[in-house]
Amino acid sequence: MSGPNPVPNGARGEAALELAGETVRLRPSFAALVAAEEELGPLFELVDRAADGRLSLSDMAALFWHCLADPPQGLTRERLGEAIVEMGLAKLSPVLRGILRQILGGR
């Protein structure tokens, strides 16, 4: 991995996301989830939307944005959204599932 991001710690609910050749960590911390909830609405509703296949790209980008731990310098939310589209849902599904599992199950 490049930059200051250490290997994601699964015990803390962290996940790795490949972003333009760099690995970034997503950490669903309390502060990150509160920020996501303020933007996206209640987390249980977010999980329900995901389970029903109604989670939008915008929802996913917002959740990932708020969960970024030590994002690379210069990373913008727009660039994150573009990277999500470039990667495709098949590659992102395990990362999203891990974060949603963390929301439901905690540490």
N, C-alpha and C. Protein backbone atom coordinates (compact mmCIF):
# COMPACT_ATOMS: atom_id res chain seq x y z
N MET A 1 0.83 -1.18 0.00
CA MET A 1 0.00 0.00 0.00
C MET A 1 0.87 1.23 0.00
N SER A 2 0.38 2.24 -0.63
CA SER A 2 1.14 3.48 -0.63
C SER A 2 0.55 4.45 0.38
N GLY A 3 1.30 5.48 0.70
CA GLY A 3 0.80 6.52 1.60
C GLY A 3 0.77 6.07 3.04
N PRO A 4 0.09 6.87 3.88
CA PRO A 4 0.09 6.62 5.32
C PRO A 4 -0.91 5.58 5.76
N ASN A 5 -1.66 4.98 4.86
CA ASN A 5 -2.71 4.05 5.24
C ASN A 5 -2.16 2.68 5.57
N PRO A 6 -2.23 2.25 6.83
CA PRO A 6 -1.81 0.90 7.15
C PRO A 6 -2.84 -0.11 6.64
N VAL A 7 -2.52 -1.36 6.77
CA VAL A 7 -3.42 -2.43 6.36
C VAL A 7 -4.73 -2.29 7.14
N PRO A 8 -5.87 -2.40 6.45
CA PRO A 8 -7.14 -2.30 7.16
C PRO A 8 -7.28 -3.37 8.24
N ASN A 9 -7.84 -2.98 9.35
CA ASN A 9 -8.02 -3.86 10.50
C ASN A 9 -9.47 -4.36 10.50
N GLY A 10 -9.65 -5.61 10.10
CA GLY A 10 -10.99 -6.18 10.04
C GLY A 10 -11.70 -6.20 11.38
N ALA A 11 -10.94 -6.31 12.47
CA ALA A 11 -11.54 -6.31 13.80
C ALA A 11 -12.20 -4.97 14.13
N ARG A 12 -11.74 -3.92 13.47
CA ARG A 12 -12.32 -2.59 13.67
C ARG A 12 -13.37 -2.28 12.62
N GLY A 13 -13.67 -3.26 11.77
CA GLY A 13 -14.66 -3.06 10.73
C GLY A 13 -14.12 -2.34 9.51
N GLU A 14 -12.80 -2.21 9.43
CA GLU A 14 -12.20 -1.50 8.31
C GLU A 14 -12.20 -2.37 7.05
N ALA A 15 -12.21 -1.70 5.91
CA ALA A 15 -12.15 -2.38 4.62
C ALA A 15 -11.19 -1.63 3.72
N ALA A 16 -10.64 -2.34 2.75
CA ALA A 16 -9.73 -1.72 1.78
C ALA A 16 -10.50 -1.43 0.50
N LEU A 17 -10.17 -0.32 -0.12
CA LEU A 17 -10.77 0.06 -1.38
C LEU A 17 -9.66 0.54 -2.30
N GLU A 18 -9.54 -0.10 -3.47
CA GLU A 18 -8.56 0.31 -4.46
C GLU A 18 -9.10 1.53 -5.19
N LEU A 19 -8.33 2.60 -5.17
CA LEU A 19 -8.79 3.85 -5.74
C LEU A 19 -7.67 4.44 -6.58
N ALA A 20 -7.80 4.35 -7.89
CA ALA A 20 -6.82 4.90 -8.82
C ALA A 20 -5.41 4.42 -8.50
N GLY A 21 -5.28 3.10 -8.28
CA GLY A 21 -3.97 2.53 -8.02
C GLY A 21 -3.48 2.67 -6.59
N GLU A 22 -4.27 3.24 -5.73
CA GLU A 22 -3.90 3.41 -4.33
C GLU A 22 -4.96 2.74 -3.46
N THR A 23 -4.52 2.11 -2.40
CA THR A 23 -5.45 1.47 -1.48
C THR A 23 -5.79 2.45 -0.37
N VAL A 24 -7.07 2.66 -0.15
CA VAL A 24 -7.52 3.51 0.94
C VAL A 24 -8.31 2.66 1.92
N ARG A 25 -8.35 3.12 3.17
CA ARG A 25 -9.09 2.42 4.21
C ARG A 25 -10.43 3.08 4.41
N LEU A 26 -11.44 2.26 4.59
CA LEU A 26 -12.76 2.73 5.01
C LEU A 26 -12.97 2.22 6.43
N ARG A 27 -13.27 3.14 7.32
CA ARG A 27 -13.49 2.77 8.72
C ARG A 27 -14.85 3.32 9.16
N PRO A 28 -15.80 2.44 9.42
CA PRO A 28 -17.12 2.90 9.85
C PRO A 28 -17.14 3.25 11.34
N SER A 29 -16.42 4.29 11.69
CA SER A 29 -16.37 4.74 13.08
C SER A 29 -17.69 5.42 13.45
N PHE A 30 -17.87 5.65 14.73
CA PHE A 30 -19.08 6.32 15.20
C PHE A 30 -19.23 7.68 14.51
N ALA A 31 -18.17 8.47 14.49
CA ALA A 31 -18.24 9.81 13.88
C ALA A 31 -18.56 9.71 12.40
N ALA A 32 -17.96 8.74 11.70
CA ALA A 32 -18.22 8.57 10.27
C ALA A 32 -19.68 8.18 10.02
N LEU A 33 -20.20 7.28 10.84
CA LEU A 33 -21.57 6.83 10.65
C LEU A 33 -22.59 7.91 11.02
N VAL A 34 -22.27 8.72 12.02
CA VAL A 34 -23.14 9.84 12.36
C VAL A 34 -23.20 10.83 11.20
N ALA A 35 -22.05 11.13 10.62
CA ALA A 35 -22.01 12.05 9.47
C ALA A 35 -22.78 11.48 8.29
N ALA A 36 -22.62 10.18 8.04
CA ALA A 36 -23.35 9.54 6.95
C ALA A 36 -24.85 9.58 7.22
N GLU A 37 -25.23 9.32 8.45
CA GLU A 37 -26.65 9.31 8.82
C GLU A 37 -27.26 10.71 8.66
N GLU A 38 -26.49 11.74 9.01
CA GLU A 38 -26.99 13.11 8.85
C GLU A 38 -27.29 13.42 7.39
N GLU A 39 -26.50 12.85 6.49
CA GLU A 39 -26.70 13.10 5.07
C GLU A 39 -27.72 12.16 4.45
N LEU A 40 -27.67 10.88 4.82
CA LEU A 40 -28.45 9.85 4.13
C LEU A 40 -29.72 9.43 4.84
N GLY A 41 -29.89 9.86 6.07
CA GLY A 41 -31.04 9.42 6.84
C GLY A 41 -30.66 8.25 7.74
N PRO A 42 -31.61 7.70 8.46
CA PRO A 42 -31.33 6.64 9.43
C PRO A 42 -30.59 5.45 8.78
N LEU A 43 -29.62 4.93 9.52
CA LEU A 43 -28.80 3.85 9.00
C LEU A 43 -29.59 2.57 8.76
N PHE A 44 -30.60 2.31 9.59
CA PHE A 44 -31.42 1.11 9.37
C PHE A 44 -32.15 1.21 8.03
N GLU A 45 -32.59 2.41 7.68
CA GLU A 45 -33.25 2.59 6.38
C GLU A 45 -32.24 2.40 5.24
N LEU A 46 -31.01 2.85 5.46
CA LEU A 46 -29.96 2.65 4.46
C LEU A 46 -29.70 1.16 4.24
N VAL A 47 -29.63 0.41 5.33
CA VAL A 47 -29.43 -1.03 5.24
C VAL A 47 -30.62 -1.69 4.55
N ASP A 48 -31.83 -1.25 4.86
CA ASP A 48 -33.02 -1.79 4.21
C ASP A 48 -33.00 -1.51 2.71
N ARG A 49 -32.62 -0.29 2.33
CA ARG A 49 -32.53 0.04 0.90
C ARG A 49 -31.52 -0.86 0.21
N ALA A 50 -30.40 -1.08 0.87
CA ALA A 50 -29.36 -1.96 0.29
C ALA A 50 -29.89 -3.38 0.14
N ALA A 51 -30.57 -3.88 1.16
CA ALA A 51 -31.11 -5.25 1.12
C ALA A 51 -32.15 -5.40 0.02
N ASP A 52 -32.89 -4.33 -0.25
CA ASP A 52 -33.93 -4.36 -1.29
C ASP A 52 -33.39 -4.01 -2.67
N GLY A 53 -32.08 -3.76 -2.77
CA GLY A 53 -31.49 -3.41 -4.06
C GLY A 53 -31.80 -1.98 -4.48
N ARG A 54 -32.11 -1.12 -3.52
CA ARG A 54 -32.47 0.25 -3.82
C ARG A 54 -31.41 1.27 -3.37
N LEU A 55 -30.22 0.79 -3.07
CA LEU A 55 -29.15 1.71 -2.67
C LEU A 55 -28.59 2.36 -3.93
N SER A 56 -28.59 3.67 -3.96
CA SER A 56 -28.13 4.39 -5.15
C SER A 56 -26.61 4.56 -5.12
N LEU A 57 -26.05 4.87 -6.28
CA LEU A 57 -24.62 5.18 -6.34
C LEU A 57 -24.30 6.36 -5.45
N SER A 58 -25.20 7.32 -5.40
CA SER A 58 -25.02 8.48 -4.54
C SER A 58 -24.94 8.08 -3.07
N ASP A 59 -25.82 7.15 -2.66
CA ASP A 59 -25.79 6.65 -1.28
C ASP A 59 -24.46 5.98 -0.98
N MET A 60 -24.01 5.13 -1.91
CA MET A 60 -22.77 4.40 -1.70
C MET A 60 -21.58 5.36 -1.63
N ALA A 61 -21.55 6.32 -2.53
CA ALA A 61 -20.45 7.29 -2.53
C ALA A 61 -20.43 8.09 -1.24
N ALA A 62 -21.60 8.48 -0.75
CA ALA A 62 -21.68 9.24 0.49
C ALA A 62 -21.20 8.40 1.67
N LEU A 63 -21.65 7.15 1.74
CA LEU A 63 -21.23 6.27 2.83
C LEU A 63 -19.72 6.07 2.81
N PHE A 64 -19.18 5.77 1.64
CA PHE A 64 -17.73 5.57 1.52
C PHE A 64 -16.98 6.85 1.86
N TRP A 65 -17.48 7.98 1.41
CA TRP A 65 -16.81 9.27 1.66
C TRP A 65 -16.69 9.51 3.16
N HIS A 66 -17.77 9.31 3.87
CA HIS A 66 -17.75 9.57 5.31
C HIS A 66 -16.89 8.56 6.06
N CYS A 67 -16.73 7.36 5.51
CA CYS A 67 -15.95 6.32 6.18
C CYS A 67 -14.47 6.33 5.80
N LEU A 68 -14.06 7.21 4.90
CA LEU A 68 -12.64 7.27 4.52
C LEU A 68 -11.78 7.57 5.74
N ALA A 69 -10.78 6.77 5.95
CA ALA A 69 -9.81 6.99 7.03
C ALA A 69 -8.52 7.49 6.37
N ASP A 70 -8.09 8.67 6.71
CA ASP A 70 -6.86 9.24 6.16
C ASP A 70 -6.87 9.23 4.63
N PRO A 71 -7.82 9.92 4.01
CA PRO A 71 -7.90 9.90 2.55
C PRO A 71 -6.65 10.52 1.92
N PRO A 72 -6.30 10.07 0.73
CA PRO A 72 -5.15 10.65 0.04
C PRO A 72 -5.35 12.15 -0.19
N GLN A 73 -4.28 12.87 -0.12
CA GLN A 73 -4.35 14.31 -0.34
C GLN A 73 -4.90 14.58 -1.74
N GLY A 74 -5.80 15.50 -1.84
CA GLY A 74 -6.37 15.88 -3.12
C GLY A 74 -7.57 15.06 -3.55
N LEU A 75 -7.91 14.02 -2.81
CA LEU A 75 -9.08 13.23 -3.17
C LEU A 75 -10.33 14.06 -2.95
N THR A 76 -11.17 14.12 -3.96
CA THR A 76 -12.44 14.82 -3.84
C THR A 76 -13.57 13.80 -3.86
N ARG A 77 -14.70 14.24 -3.41
CA ARG A 77 -15.87 13.36 -3.42
C ARG A 77 -16.25 13.00 -4.86
N GLU A 78 -16.10 13.95 -5.76
CA GLU A 78 -16.39 13.68 -7.16
C GLU A 78 -15.47 12.58 -7.71
N ARG A 79 -14.19 12.66 -7.37
CA ARG A 79 -13.24 11.64 -7.84
C ARG A 79 -13.57 10.28 -7.23
N LEU A 80 -13.98 10.27 -5.97
CA LEU A 80 -14.40 9.01 -5.35
C LEU A 80 -15.58 8.43 -6.10
N GLY A 81 -16.55 9.26 -6.43
CA GLY A 81 -17.71 8.80 -7.19
C GLY A 81 -17.32 8.25 -8.56
N GLU A 82 -16.40 8.92 -9.23
CA GLU A 82 -15.92 8.43 -10.53
C GLU A 82 -15.24 7.07 -10.38
N ALA A 83 -14.46 6.92 -9.32
CA ALA A 83 -13.76 5.65 -9.08
C ALA A 83 -14.76 4.53 -8.80
N ILE A 84 -15.84 4.84 -8.11
CA ILE A 84 -16.88 3.85 -7.83
C ILE A 84 -17.48 3.35 -9.14
N VAL A 85 -17.76 4.27 -10.05
CA VAL A 85 -18.32 3.89 -11.35
C VAL A 85 -17.30 3.08 -12.14
N GLU A 86 -16.03 3.50 -12.12
CA GLU A 86 -14.98 2.79 -12.84
C GLU A 86 -14.81 1.36 -12.34
N MET A 87 -14.89 1.17 -11.03
CA MET A 87 -14.69 -0.16 -10.44
C MET A 87 -15.86 -1.08 -10.69
N GLY A 88 -17.05 -0.54 -10.67
CA GLY A 88 -18.24 -1.36 -10.87
C GLY A 88 -18.73 -1.98 -9.57
N LEU A 89 -20.00 -2.29 -9.57
CA LEU A 89 -20.65 -2.78 -8.36
C LEU A 89 -20.15 -4.15 -7.92
N ALA A 90 -19.75 -4.99 -8.87
CA ALA A 90 -19.28 -6.33 -8.49
C ALA A 90 -18.06 -6.25 -7.59
N LYS A 91 -17.13 -5.36 -7.88
CA LYS A 91 -15.92 -5.22 -7.05
C LYS A 91 -16.21 -4.51 -5.74
N LEU A 92 -17.22 -3.66 -5.73
CA LEU A 92 -17.53 -2.88 -4.54
C LEU A 92 -18.46 -3.60 -3.56
N SER A 93 -19.17 -4.60 -4.04
CA SER A 93 -20.14 -5.28 -3.19
C SER A 93 -19.54 -5.82 -1.89
N PRO A 94 -18.38 -6.49 -1.93
CA PRO A 94 -17.82 -6.99 -0.66
C PRO A 94 -17.48 -5.87 0.32
N VAL A 95 -16.99 -4.75 -0.19
CA VAL A 95 -16.65 -3.62 0.68
C VAL A 95 -17.92 -3.05 1.29
N LEU A 96 -18.93 -2.85 0.47
CA LEU A 96 -20.21 -2.33 0.96
C LEU A 96 -20.83 -3.28 1.98
N ARG A 97 -20.82 -4.58 1.67
CA ARG A 97 -21.37 -5.57 2.61
C ARG A 97 -20.67 -5.51 3.96
N GLY A 98 -19.34 -5.35 3.92
CA GLY A 98 -18.59 -5.27 5.17
C GLY A 98 -18.99 -4.08 6.02
N ILE A 99 -19.17 -2.94 5.38
CA ILE A 99 -19.58 -1.75 6.12
C ILE A 99 -21.00 -1.91 6.65
N LEU A 100 -21.89 -2.44 5.83
CA LEU A 100 -23.27 -2.64 6.30
C LEU A 100 -23.32 -3.66 7.43
N ARG A 101 -22.50 -4.69 7.34
CA ARG A 101 -22.41 -5.69 8.42
C ARG A 101 -21.95 -5.02 9.71
N GLN A 102 -21.00 -4.11 9.59
CA GLN A 102 -20.48 -3.40 10.76
C GLN A 102 -21.58 -2.51 11.36
N ILE A 103 -22.37 -1.87 10.51
CA ILE A 103 -23.48 -1.04 11.01
C ILE A 103 -24.45 -1.89 11.81
N LEU A 104 -24.76 -3.07 11.31
CA LEU A 104 -25.74 -3.93 11.97
C LEU A 104 -25.18 -4.66 13.19
N GLY A 105 -23.92 -5.11 13.09
CA GLY A 105 -23.39 -5.96 14.13
C GLY A 105 -22.48 -5.29 15.13
N GLY A 106 -21.92 -4.16 14.76
CA GLY A 106 -20.98 -3.50 15.66
C GLY A 106 -19.69 -4.29 15.79
N ARG A 107 -18.87 -3.85 16.73
CA ARG A 107 -17.56 -4.50 16.94
C ARG A 107 -17.64 -5.52 18.02
